[in-house]
Protein backbone atom coordinates (compact mmCIF):
# COMPACT_ATOMS: atom_id res chain seq x y z
CA ILE A 1 -59.95 -10.27 7.90
CA LYS A 2 -63.34 -9.35 8.19
CA MET A 3 -65.81 -11.95 8.79
CA ALA A 4 -68.32 -12.70 6.00
CA GLY A 5 -72.20 -13.05 7.36
CA ASP A 6 -72.59 -16.28 5.83
CA CYS A 7 -69.93 -17.50 8.00
CA ARG A 8 -69.50 -21.10 9.04
CA PHE A 9 -67.71 -23.31 11.48
CA PRO A 10 -65.20 -25.95 9.92
CA ASP A 11 -66.52 -29.51 9.61
CA VAL A 12 -65.80 -31.45 12.82
CA GLY A 13 -66.01 -35.31 13.04
CA ALA A 14 -69.05 -37.12 13.89
CA ASP A 15 -67.46 -38.22 17.69
CA GLY A 16 -68.26 -33.76 16.80
CA SER A 17 -64.92 -32.60 16.66
CA GLU A 18 -61.98 -33.44 14.95
CA LYS A 19 -58.54 -34.54 15.72
CA ASN A 20 -56.54 -32.65 17.99
CA GLU A 21 -53.13 -33.71 16.51
CA GLU A 22 -53.98 -33.77 12.80
CA MET A 23 -56.21 -30.28 13.25
CA GLU A 24 -54.30 -27.68 10.88
CA ILE A 25 -54.57 -23.89 11.87
CA VAL A 26 -53.57 -20.77 10.50
CA VAL A 27 -52.24 -17.56 12.76
CA ASN A 28 -52.16 -14.36 11.02
CA VAL A 29 -50.10 -12.12 13.20
CA GLY A 30 -49.66 -8.68 12.15
CA GLY A 31 -50.24 -9.87 8.51
CA VAL A 32 -47.68 -12.82 9.08
CA ARG A 33 -48.92 -15.97 8.49
CA GLN A 34 -48.03 -19.30 10.32
CA VAL A 35 -49.65 -22.76 9.93
CA PHE A 36 -50.11 -24.90 13.65
CA TYR A 37 -50.30 -28.41 13.62
CA GLY A 38 -51.84 -30.04 16.85
CA ASP A 39 -49.85 -32.33 17.87
CA ASN A 40 -47.13 -29.32 18.18
CA LEU A 41 -48.91 -26.87 19.33
CA ASN A 42 -50.43 -29.65 22.64
CA GLN A 43 -47.19 -29.65 23.93
CA TYR A 44 -48.34 -26.46 25.91
CA PRO A 45 -51.96 -27.01 27.02
CA GLU A 46 -51.71 -23.72 28.78
CA THR A 47 -50.87 -21.68 25.87
CA ARG A 48 -53.37 -19.65 23.85
CA LEU A 49 -52.43 -20.96 20.76
CA ALA A 50 -53.35 -24.59 22.47
CA GLU A 51 -56.50 -23.43 23.40
CA LEU A 52 -57.68 -22.54 19.74
CA ILE A 53 -57.57 -25.79 18.93
CA ASN A 54 -60.80 -26.38 21.38
CA CYS A 55 -62.46 -23.09 20.92
CA LEU A 56 -64.24 -23.50 17.36
CA SER A 57 -66.85 -26.31 18.90
CA GLY A 58 -67.52 -23.60 21.82
CA GLY A 59 -68.92 -20.57 19.18
CA TYR A 60 -67.93 -17.19 18.38
CA ASP A 61 -67.73 -15.96 21.87
CA SER A 62 -65.15 -18.52 22.53
CA ILE A 63 -63.38 -18.00 19.41
CA PHE A 64 -62.77 -14.46 19.79
CA SER A 65 -61.85 -14.43 23.84
CA LEU A 66 -59.00 -15.76 22.20
CA CYS A 67 -58.06 -13.42 19.01
CA ASP A 68 -59.20 -10.56 17.88
CA ASP A 69 -60.86 -12.01 14.26
CA TYR A 70 -61.37 -14.96 12.66
CA ASP A 71 -62.14 -16.12 9.56
CA PRO A 72 -64.30 -19.27 8.87
CA GLY A 73 -63.68 -20.02 5.07
CA LYS A 74 -60.17 -20.27 5.80
CA ARG A 75 -59.66 -21.45 9.04
CA GLU A 76 -57.82 -18.11 9.63
CA PHE A 77 -57.18 -16.59 13.46
CA TYR A 78 -56.15 -13.22 13.33
CA PHE A 79 -54.03 -11.14 16.44
CA ASP A 80 -53.26 -7.16 16.57
CA ARG A 81 -50.02 -8.42 18.04
CA ASP A 82 -46.24 -8.16 17.43
CA PRO A 83 -45.02 -10.33 14.58
CA ASP A 84 -41.16 -9.74 15.35
CA ALA A 85 -42.00 -11.24 19.06
CA PHE A 86 -43.95 -13.82 17.85
CA LYS A 87 -41.95 -15.18 15.56
CA CYS A 88 -39.57 -15.86 19.00
CA ILE A 89 -42.00 -16.72 21.03
CA ILE A 90 -43.33 -19.55 19.07
CA ASP A 91 -39.42 -21.42 19.44
CA VAL A 92 -41.40 -22.83 22.26
CA TYR A 93 -43.00 -25.51 20.48
CA TYR A 94 -40.19 -26.77 18.39
CA PHE A 95 -37.22 -26.48 20.49
CA GLY A 96 -38.71 -25.95 24.41
CA GLU A 97 -36.87 -22.69 25.07
CA ILE A 98 -37.01 -18.92 23.80
CA HIS A 99 -34.37 -16.16 22.68
CA MET A 100 -35.24 -12.81 22.36
CA LYS A 101 -34.09 -10.98 18.66
CA LYS A 102 -31.88 -8.13 19.51
CA GLY A 103 -33.38 -4.79 19.35
CA ILE A 104 -36.90 -5.97 21.15
CA CYS A 105 -38.13 -4.41 23.60
CA PRO A 106 -37.52 -6.84 27.18
CA ILE A 107 -40.56 -5.23 28.63
CA CYS A 108 -42.47 -5.49 25.87
CA PHE A 109 -41.16 -8.88 25.33
CA LYS A 110 -42.65 -10.39 28.11
CA ASN A 111 -45.95 -8.42 27.69
CA GLU A 112 -46.20 -10.42 24.49
CA MET A 113 -44.94 -13.80 26.21
CA GLU A 114 -47.84 -13.15 29.16
CA PHE A 115 -50.43 -12.56 26.39
CA TRP A 116 -49.35 -15.66 24.80
CA LYS A 117 -49.54 -17.67 27.63
CA VAL A 118 -46.77 -18.96 27.55
CA ASP A 119 -44.60 -19.40 31.12
CA LEU A 120 -41.32 -17.04 31.53
CA LYS A 121 -39.12 -19.99 32.53
CA PHE A 122 -38.76 -20.86 28.77
CA LEU A 123 -36.69 -17.64 28.87
CA ASP A 124 -33.30 -18.68 27.86
CA ASP A 125 -31.18 -17.43 31.57
CA CYS A 126 -29.12 -14.95 29.06
CA CYS A 127 -32.19 -12.96 27.80
CA LYS A 128 -33.89 -13.21 31.16
CA THR A 129 -30.43 -11.42 33.27
CA HIS A 130 -31.09 -8.69 30.34
CA LEU A 131 -35.21 -8.53 31.21
CA SER A 132 -34.25 -8.11 34.96
CA GLU A 133 -31.18 -4.89 33.56
CA LYS A 134 -34.43 -3.30 31.64
CA ARG A 135 -36.71 -3.69 34.90
CA GLU A 136 -34.22 -2.19 37.21
CA GLU A 137 -34.25 0.35 34.34
CA LEU A 138 -37.72 1.19 34.79
CA GLU A 139 -37.66 1.06 38.11
CA GLU A 140 -34.76 3.27 38.79
CA ILE A 141 -36.81 6.23 36.53
CA ALA A 142 -39.78 5.43 38.18
CA ARG A 143 -37.83 6.91 41.45
CA ARG A 144 -36.00 9.29 40.05
CA VAL A 145 -39.98 10.58 38.26
CA GLN A 146 -40.95 10.86 41.59
CA LEU A 147 -38.32 12.34 43.52
CA ILE A 148 -39.02 15.25 41.31
CA LEU A 149 -42.75 14.87 41.66
CA ASP A 150 -42.14 14.86 45.56
CA ASP A 151 -40.08 18.02 44.88
CA LEU A 152 -42.63 20.03 43.50
CA GLY A 153 -45.77 18.67 45.28
CA VAL A 154 -46.85 20.45 48.37
CA ASP A 155 -48.87 18.91 50.07
CA ALA A 156 -51.53 21.01 52.31
CA SER A 157 -52.31 19.19 55.22
CA GLU A 158 -48.68 18.96 56.21
CA SER A 159 -47.80 20.84 59.21
CA ARG A 160 -45.36 23.81 59.00
CA TRP A 161 -42.16 22.08 60.63
CA LYS A 162 -42.78 19.85 57.82
CA ARG A 163 -42.92 22.19 54.66
CA CYS A 164 -39.32 23.11 56.82
CA GLN A 165 -37.60 20.16 56.28
CA LYS A 166 -38.24 19.10 53.10
CA TYR A 167 -36.97 22.71 52.51
CA ILE A 168 -34.41 22.46 54.08
CA TRP A 169 -33.75 18.94 52.50
CA LYS A 170 -33.94 20.35 48.89
CA PHE A 171 -32.27 23.11 49.37
CA LEU A 172 -29.04 20.92 50.82
CA GLU A 173 -29.19 17.99 49.11
CA LYS A 174 -29.81 18.88 45.38
CA PRO A 175 -28.25 21.88 43.75
CA GLU A 176 -30.69 21.15 40.58
CA SER A 177 -33.53 22.77 42.44
CA SER A 178 -32.93 26.24 42.51
CA TYR A 179 -30.44 29.02 42.25
CA PRO A 180 -29.46 29.66 45.63
CA ALA A 181 -28.64 25.95 46.49
CA ARG A 182 -26.42 25.55 43.79
CA VAL A 183 -24.52 28.38 45.09
CA ILE A 184 -24.55 26.30 48.47
CA ALA A 185 -23.56 23.37 46.61
CA VAL A 186 -20.47 25.38 45.72
CA LEU A 187 -19.58 27.03 48.70
CA SER A 188 -19.30 23.58 50.36
CA PHE A 189 -17.14 22.70 47.18
CA LEU A 190 -15.36 25.46 48.06
CA PHE A 191 -14.62 24.56 51.98
CA ILE A 192 -13.43 21.15 51.37
CA LEU A 193 -10.97 22.56 48.80
CA ILE A 194 -9.95 24.90 51.12
CA SER A 195 -9.47 22.75 53.49
CA SER A 196 -8.28 20.15 52.34
CA ILE A 197 -5.47 23.08 50.94
CA VAL A 198 -5.02 24.33 54.45
CA MET A 199 -4.32 20.56 55.40
CA CYS A 200 -1.56 20.72 53.55
CA VAL A 201 -0.20 23.61 53.47
CA GLY A 202 -0.11 23.78 57.12
CA THR A 203 2.90 20.80 57.22
CA ILE A 204 5.55 23.29 55.67
CA PRO A 205 7.92 23.65 58.17
CA ASP A 206 8.66 27.17 57.05
CA LEU A 207 4.46 28.32 57.46
CA GLN A 208 5.14 26.91 61.19
CA VAL A 209 5.75 28.33 64.37
CA VAL A 210 6.80 27.28 67.82
CA ASP A 211 5.32 27.15 70.85
CA ALA A 212 6.63 27.37 74.72
CA GLU A 213 7.67 24.56 74.88
CA GLY A 214 9.40 24.29 71.35
CA ASN A 215 7.39 22.01 69.57
CA ARG A 216 6.17 23.01 66.39
CA MET A 217 2.81 23.75 65.42
CA GLU A 218 0.12 24.81 62.71
CA HIS A 219 0.03 28.78 62.26
CA PRO A 220 -2.49 30.31 63.79
CA THR A 221 -4.21 31.57 60.42
CA LEU A 222 -4.15 28.20 59.17
CA ASP A 223 -5.97 27.17 62.38
CA SER A 224 -8.28 29.85 62.16
CA ILE A 225 -9.47 29.17 58.81
CA GLU A 226 -9.94 25.53 59.22
CA THR A 227 -11.92 25.78 62.39
CA ALA A 228 -14.10 28.21 59.87
CA CYS A 229 -14.05 25.31 57.11
CA ILE A 230 -14.85 22.65 60.00
CA GLY A 231 -17.93 25.25 61.78
CA TRP A 232 -19.09 25.06 57.74
CA PHE A 233 -19.21 20.91 57.86
CA THR A 234 -20.45 21.22 61.28
CA MET A 235 -23.67 23.29 60.35
CA GLU A 236 -24.10 21.52 56.90
CA TYR A 237 -23.83 17.39 58.49
CA VAL A 238 -26.62 19.39 61.96
CA LEU A 239 -29.37 20.78 59.36
CA ARG A 240 -29.25 17.61 56.86
CA LEU A 241 -29.52 15.58 59.74
CA ILE A 242 -32.56 17.06 61.01
CA SER A 243 -34.25 17.81 57.81
CA SER A 244 -33.69 14.25 56.53
CA PRO A 245 -36.77 12.11 55.89
CA ASN A 246 -35.40 8.92 57.33
CA LYS A 247 -32.85 9.86 59.96
CA LEU A 248 -31.36 6.56 60.22
CA HIS A 249 -30.54 5.52 56.62
CA PHE A 250 -28.81 8.84 56.90
CA VAL A 251 -26.55 7.98 59.90
CA LEU A 252 -25.59 4.82 58.12
CA SER A 253 -25.12 5.98 54.62
CA PHE A 254 -21.40 5.77 53.56
CA MET A 255 -20.99 9.38 52.69
CA ASN A 256 -22.72 11.05 55.80
CA ILE A 257 -20.47 8.76 57.59
CA VAL A 258 -17.08 10.27 55.70
CA ASP A 259 -18.56 13.40 56.97
CA VAL A 260 -18.77 12.41 60.60
CA LEU A 261 -14.96 11.11 60.10
CA ALA A 262 -14.00 14.64 58.85
CA ILE A 263 -15.31 16.62 60.97
CA LEU A 264 -15.06 14.26 64.76
CA PRO A 265 -11.30 14.76 64.56
CA PHE A 266 -11.21 18.10 64.71
CA TYR A 267 -13.77 18.03 68.35
CA VAL A 268 -11.66 15.10 69.64
CA SER A 269 -8.92 17.15 69.37
CA LEU A 270 -10.14 19.74 70.60
CA THR A 271 -11.20 17.83 73.75
CA LEU A 272 -8.04 16.26 74.73
CA THR A 273 -5.88 19.80 74.13
CA HIS A 274 -7.94 20.98 76.85
CA LEU A 275 -8.87 18.42 79.07
CA GLY A 276 -6.95 15.54 78.32
CA ALA A 277 -3.56 17.27 80.03
CA LYS A 278 -5.35 16.51 83.50
CA LEU A 279 -6.03 12.66 82.52
CA MET A 280 -2.91 11.40 80.90
CA GLU A 281 0.78 12.85 80.26
CA LEU A 282 1.49 15.72 78.26
CA SER A 283 3.43 14.10 75.73
CA ASN A 284 0.44 10.99 75.33
CA VAL A 285 -2.27 13.28 74.48
CA GLN A 286 -0.15 15.27 71.78
CA GLN A 287 0.45 11.75 70.11
CA ALA A 288 -3.37 11.11 69.86
CA VAL A 289 -4.15 14.67 68.71
CA GLN A 290 -1.46 13.90 65.90
CA ALA A 291 -2.72 10.71 65.05
CA LEU A 292 -6.40 11.90 65.18
CA ARG A 293 -5.12 15.22 62.83
CA ILE A 294 -4.04 12.81 60.01
CA MET A 295 -7.95 11.12 59.85
CA ARG A 296 -8.57 14.62 58.28
CA ILE A 297 -7.68 13.41 54.89
CA ALA A 298 -11.18 11.80 55.12
CA ARG A 299 -12.28 14.56 54.23
CA ILE A 300 -11.42 14.91 50.66
CA PHE A 301 -13.58 11.49 50.14
CA LYS A 302 -16.52 14.56 51.06
CA LEU A 303 -15.63 15.32 46.89
CA ALA A 304 -17.86 12.88 45.79
CA ARG A 305 -21.24 14.25 47.10
CA HIS A 306 -20.98 17.06 44.23
CA SER A 307 -19.00 14.90 41.57
CA SER A 308 -20.59 12.24 39.43
CA GLY A 309 -17.87 11.23 37.95
CA LEU A 310 -16.03 10.54 41.22
CA GLN A 311 -19.71 8.39 42.00
CA THR A 312 -19.09 6.74 39.09
CA LEU A 313 -15.88 5.69 39.80
CA THR A 314 -16.85 4.09 42.78
CA TYR A 315 -19.74 2.41 40.83
CA ALA A 316 -17.23 0.49 38.23
CA LEU A 317 -14.97 -0.26 41.53
CA LYS A 318 -17.59 -2.16 43.28
CA ARG A 319 -18.87 -3.98 40.49
CA SER A 320 -15.68 -5.09 39.18
CA PHE A 321 -14.70 -6.60 42.28
CA LYS A 322 -14.76 -10.08 40.64
CA GLU A 323 -11.99 -8.40 37.68
CA LEU A 324 -9.93 -7.12 40.77
CA GLY A 325 -9.72 -10.11 42.57
CA LEU A 326 -8.32 -12.15 39.47
CA LEU A 327 -5.82 -9.05 39.21
CA LEU A 328 -4.68 -9.81 42.90
CA MET A 329 -4.71 -13.08 42.71
CA TYR A 330 -2.48 -13.01 39.71
CA LEU A 331 -0.64 -10.69 41.25
CA ALA A 332 -0.46 -12.34 44.79
CA VAL A 333 0.49 -15.99 42.50
CA GLY A 334 3.48 -14.11 40.55
CA ILE A 335 5.15 -12.05 43.59
CA PHE A 336 5.11 -15.79 45.56
CA VAL A 337 6.62 -17.51 42.68
CA PHE A 338 9.29 -15.30 41.28
CA SER A 339 10.46 -13.94 44.97
CA ALA A 340 11.24 -17.42 45.62
CA LEU A 341 12.97 -17.63 42.36
CA GLY A 342 15.02 -14.33 43.02
CA TYR A 343 16.10 -15.72 46.49
CA THR A 344 16.96 -18.99 45.18
CA MET A 345 19.48 -17.75 42.44
CA GLU A 346 20.94 -15.27 44.11
CA GLN A 347 21.83 -17.30 47.02
CA SER A 348 25.80 -17.58 45.42
CA HIS A 349 26.30 -14.03 45.19
CA PRO A 350 28.14 -13.05 47.77
CA ASP A 351 27.13 -9.79 48.04
CA THR A 352 23.07 -10.71 47.41
CA LEU A 353 20.58 -7.95 48.75
CA PHE A 354 17.85 -11.03 48.44
CA LYS A 355 18.15 -11.91 52.18
CA SER A 356 14.48 -14.32 52.62
CA ILE A 357 11.63 -14.67 50.71
CA PRO A 358 9.30 -12.29 53.02
CA GLN A 359 11.91 -9.61 52.07
CA SER A 360 11.50 -10.73 48.34
CA PHE A 361 8.13 -9.52 48.15
CA TRP A 362 9.00 -6.33 47.77
CA TRP A 363 11.26 -6.61 45.04
CA ALA A 364 9.14 -8.95 43.06
CA ILE A 365 5.98 -6.44 44.10
CA ILE A 366 7.57 -3.37 42.68
CA THR A 367 8.97 -5.13 40.12
CA MET A 368 6.29 -6.59 38.18
CA THR A 369 3.74 -2.98 38.98
CA THR A 370 6.93 -2.16 37.03
CA VAL A 371 7.85 0.73 39.68
CA GLY A 372 11.30 -0.49 40.25
CA TYR A 373 12.80 1.84 42.04
CA GLY A 374 16.34 -0.41 42.63
CA ASP A 375 16.91 -0.64 46.49
CA ILE A 376 16.84 -4.22 45.70
CA TYR A 377 17.76 -5.76 42.51
CA PRO A 378 19.14 -9.44 41.46
CA LYS A 379 23.21 -9.47 40.52
CA THR A 380 23.69 -13.15 38.70
CA THR A 381 22.88 -13.67 35.50
CA LEU A 382 20.10 -16.46 35.80
CA GLY A 383 18.24 -13.50 39.34
CA LYS A 384 17.69 -10.69 35.69
CA LEU A 385 16.18 -13.00 33.42
CA ASN A 386 14.16 -13.91 36.23
CA ALA A 387 13.25 -10.54 36.83
CA ALA A 388 12.69 -9.88 33.40
CA ILE A 389 10.35 -12.88 33.37
CA SER A 390 8.62 -10.94 36.45
CA PHE A 391 8.10 -7.61 35.11
CA LEU A 392 6.78 -8.98 31.79
CA CYS A 393 4.23 -11.46 33.19
CA GLY A 394 3.10 -8.60 35.54
CA VAL A 395 2.41 -5.64 32.55
CA ILE A 396 -0.32 -8.70 31.44
CA ALA A 397 -1.43 -9.66 34.47
CA ILE A 398 -2.51 -5.58 35.43
CA ALA A 399 -3.22 -5.56 31.71
CA LEU A 400 -5.65 -8.47 31.20
CA PRO A 401 -8.48 -7.24 34.01
CA ILE A 402 -8.76 -3.62 33.26
CA HIS A 403 -10.24 -3.70 30.08
CA PRO A 404 -13.68 -4.96 32.16
CA ILE A 405 -12.96 -2.42 34.80
CA ILE A 406 -13.14 0.08 31.50
CA ASN A 407 -16.47 -1.34 30.42
CA ASN A 408 -17.92 -1.53 33.58
CA PHE A 409 -17.26 2.85 34.30
CA VAL A 410 -18.52 3.05 30.73
CA ARG A 411 -20.90 1.40 31.06
CA TYR A 412 -22.35 2.76 33.96
CA TYR A 413 -21.60 6.32 32.95
CA ASN A 414 -23.72 6.23 29.59
CA LYS A 415 -26.45 4.33 31.84
CA GLN A 416 -26.80 7.01 34.11
CA ARG A 417 -26.87 9.64 31.33
CA VAL A 418 -29.73 7.46 29.89
CA LEU A 419 -31.74 7.33 33.12
CA GLU A 420 -30.91 11.03 33.77
CA THR A 421 -33.03 11.72 29.56
CA ALA A 422 -35.40 9.11 30.58
CA ALA A 423 -37.05 10.88 33.67
CA LYS A 424 -36.84 14.22 31.81
CA HIS A 425 -38.56 12.91 29.15
CA GLU A 426 -41.17 11.48 31.69
CA LEU A 427 -41.88 14.36 32.84
CA GLU A 428 -42.23 16.04 29.61
CA LEU A 429 -45.08 13.78 28.73
CA MET A 430 -46.53 14.08 31.81
CA GLU A 431 -46.55 18.05 31.42
CA LEU A 432 -47.76 17.29 27.82
CA ASN A 433 -50.84 15.32 28.66
CA SER A 434 -51.90 17.90 32.18
CA ALA A 435 -51.90 20.63 29.59
CA GLU A 436 -54.17 18.67 26.34
CA GLY A 437 -56.34 17.98 30.48
CA LYS A 438 -56.50 21.77 30.20
CA ALA A 439 -57.18 21.84 26.68
CA THR A 440 -60.12 19.10 27.65
CA SER A 441 -61.89 21.14 30.32
CA SER A 442 -62.03 24.37 28.22
CA LYS A 443 -63.87 22.32 25.57
CA SER A 444 -65.80 21.36 27.54
CA GLU A 445 -66.80 24.67 29.19
CA LEU A 446 -67.30 25.80 25.90
CA GLU A 447 -70.04 22.56 24.96
CA ASP A 448 -71.66 23.47 28.35
CA LEU A 449 -71.95 27.22 26.91
CA ALA A 450 -73.32 26.21 24.05
CA ARG A 451 -75.38 23.82 25.16
CA GLU A 452 -77.31 26.11 28.16
CA GLY A 453 -77.52 29.06 24.93
CA LYS A 454 -76.40 31.42 27.05
CA GLU A 455 -76.76 34.56 25.03
CA GLY A 456 -73.71 36.96 24.56
CA PRO A 457 -72.57 39.20 21.99
CA TYR A 458 -70.84 36.41 20.09
CA SER A 459 -72.63 33.26 20.71
CA SER A 460 -73.80 33.48 17.22
CA ARG A 461 -70.41 32.73 15.96
CA LEU A 462 -69.17 30.84 19.16
CA LYS A 463 -68.41 26.99 16.93
CA VAL A 464 -67.16 23.89 19.04
CA SER A 465 -64.42 22.09 17.35
CA HIS A 466 -63.98 18.43 17.81
CA SER A 467 -61.11 16.37 16.24
CA ASP A 468 -60.67 12.39 16.32
CA THR A 469 -57.11 12.88 17.10
CA PHE A 470 -57.79 14.54 20.33
CA ILE A 471 -56.37 12.93 23.20
CA HIS A 472 -58.62 13.05 26.30
CA LEU A 473 -57.25 13.28 29.90
CA LEU A 474 -58.75 10.74 31.68
CA SER A 475 -60.28 11.51 35.46
CA GLU A 476 -58.00 11.67 38.56
CA GLU A 477 -59.33 7.62 39.05
CA LYS A 478 -58.36 6.23 36.13
CA HIS A 479 -54.73 8.07 35.74
CA TYR A 480 -52.75 8.37 32.73
CA ARG A 481 -50.42 5.80 30.81
CA THR A 482 -46.93 7.51 30.51
CA ARG A 483 -44.60 5.60 28.49
CA LEU A 484 -43.09 3.77 31.48
CA GLN A 485 -45.95 2.67 33.06
CA SER A 486 -47.13 1.45 29.21
CA CYS A 487 -43.98 -0.65 29.26
CA LYS A 488 -44.21 -1.92 32.56
């Protein structure tokens, strides 16, 4: 809408202004026209639309501080904004709350609300949840991009030891950084598998040997392989601890605690074997060593470090505590009810296997989970009917919360893939802007060369092209805006 040169302001009353309640204004947002009345807009005087009512008496400066253009003949304000978001925002004047339509970016919608000066408190709770989730996704993308940029960047002011620490950390923690790092990750994965296999194979009686006291022990070859694996795990943990940028966070991390639990039993057993005999009886030492060797099963959890699927499963279970709690509650109630009924109904049989209600808990557990070992079973007709009802209820109780847990797993898995793709796109956009910056620098050098009139064999044919669509790289003080920053 172009403003004519002889435009005049709307007529006002004798007191210098129209009555706000009776005033009618027309708002054109991206080609969509909407008529508003003062009594509706004045409900929220702090908003931009309400300020339009009082801006007419302030002249063009006051008008154009609120809108992009104005047609005084039609009394129409023009805004170059998103019309779909505007249709949602104006609901606040009629219903007192706002809902986002499906398909609108929550971050962009938040920016639109800020432009129209509508407080976020009017946004419905369901839409606020969606907004917070999108904000968390953007923060995660920014964090991933920043981590990649930190890995690519080299600070010349850092000491040699700092640079060495960063190299070791990237070498051990980020397999995607280089080919040797991928080789190390594969080796670590193989050592975990070999160590787990050796732990299982070492329990086969035919592969065990008998010591001088007649006690069975692992084969020396398997023991040597176990020692080599523990040496690898120890070296890996120590190097990661030394190169870690945050030692406290590293030590308290769950996966690093698992690493310590996988290594510690070997050294404690070794210490007890050589020194414990002097402090306690030999039988007590052997029992302690055997108990510690069982803790070696913790090393299987080290696979989660190299498996995104296990990490996704862990996160899905973590987010599904409510559903898992409901599942346990359903089972607990059913176990208590059916075990008590089973005990009562089986008391009339002389050869009953239900000796007490606590003993019946075991029968209720294996029945409701449809395992059915058959070590305890009902013998009366009512007891069998109770058993049939119990396992039907068990199937239903287990099936109901499973679907939300699966949804959490699928949602998180897809979300991680989307975040990874978005981070790569941000890096590609940064590279594109960087390449355009180099092109701008080259063009500036050619312009300077032509301006200074330096003679050369091709100076007469030197032409500098210009394009209105060329994206100039901003100076270092004015960092270019990526799509991520624009959404924020």
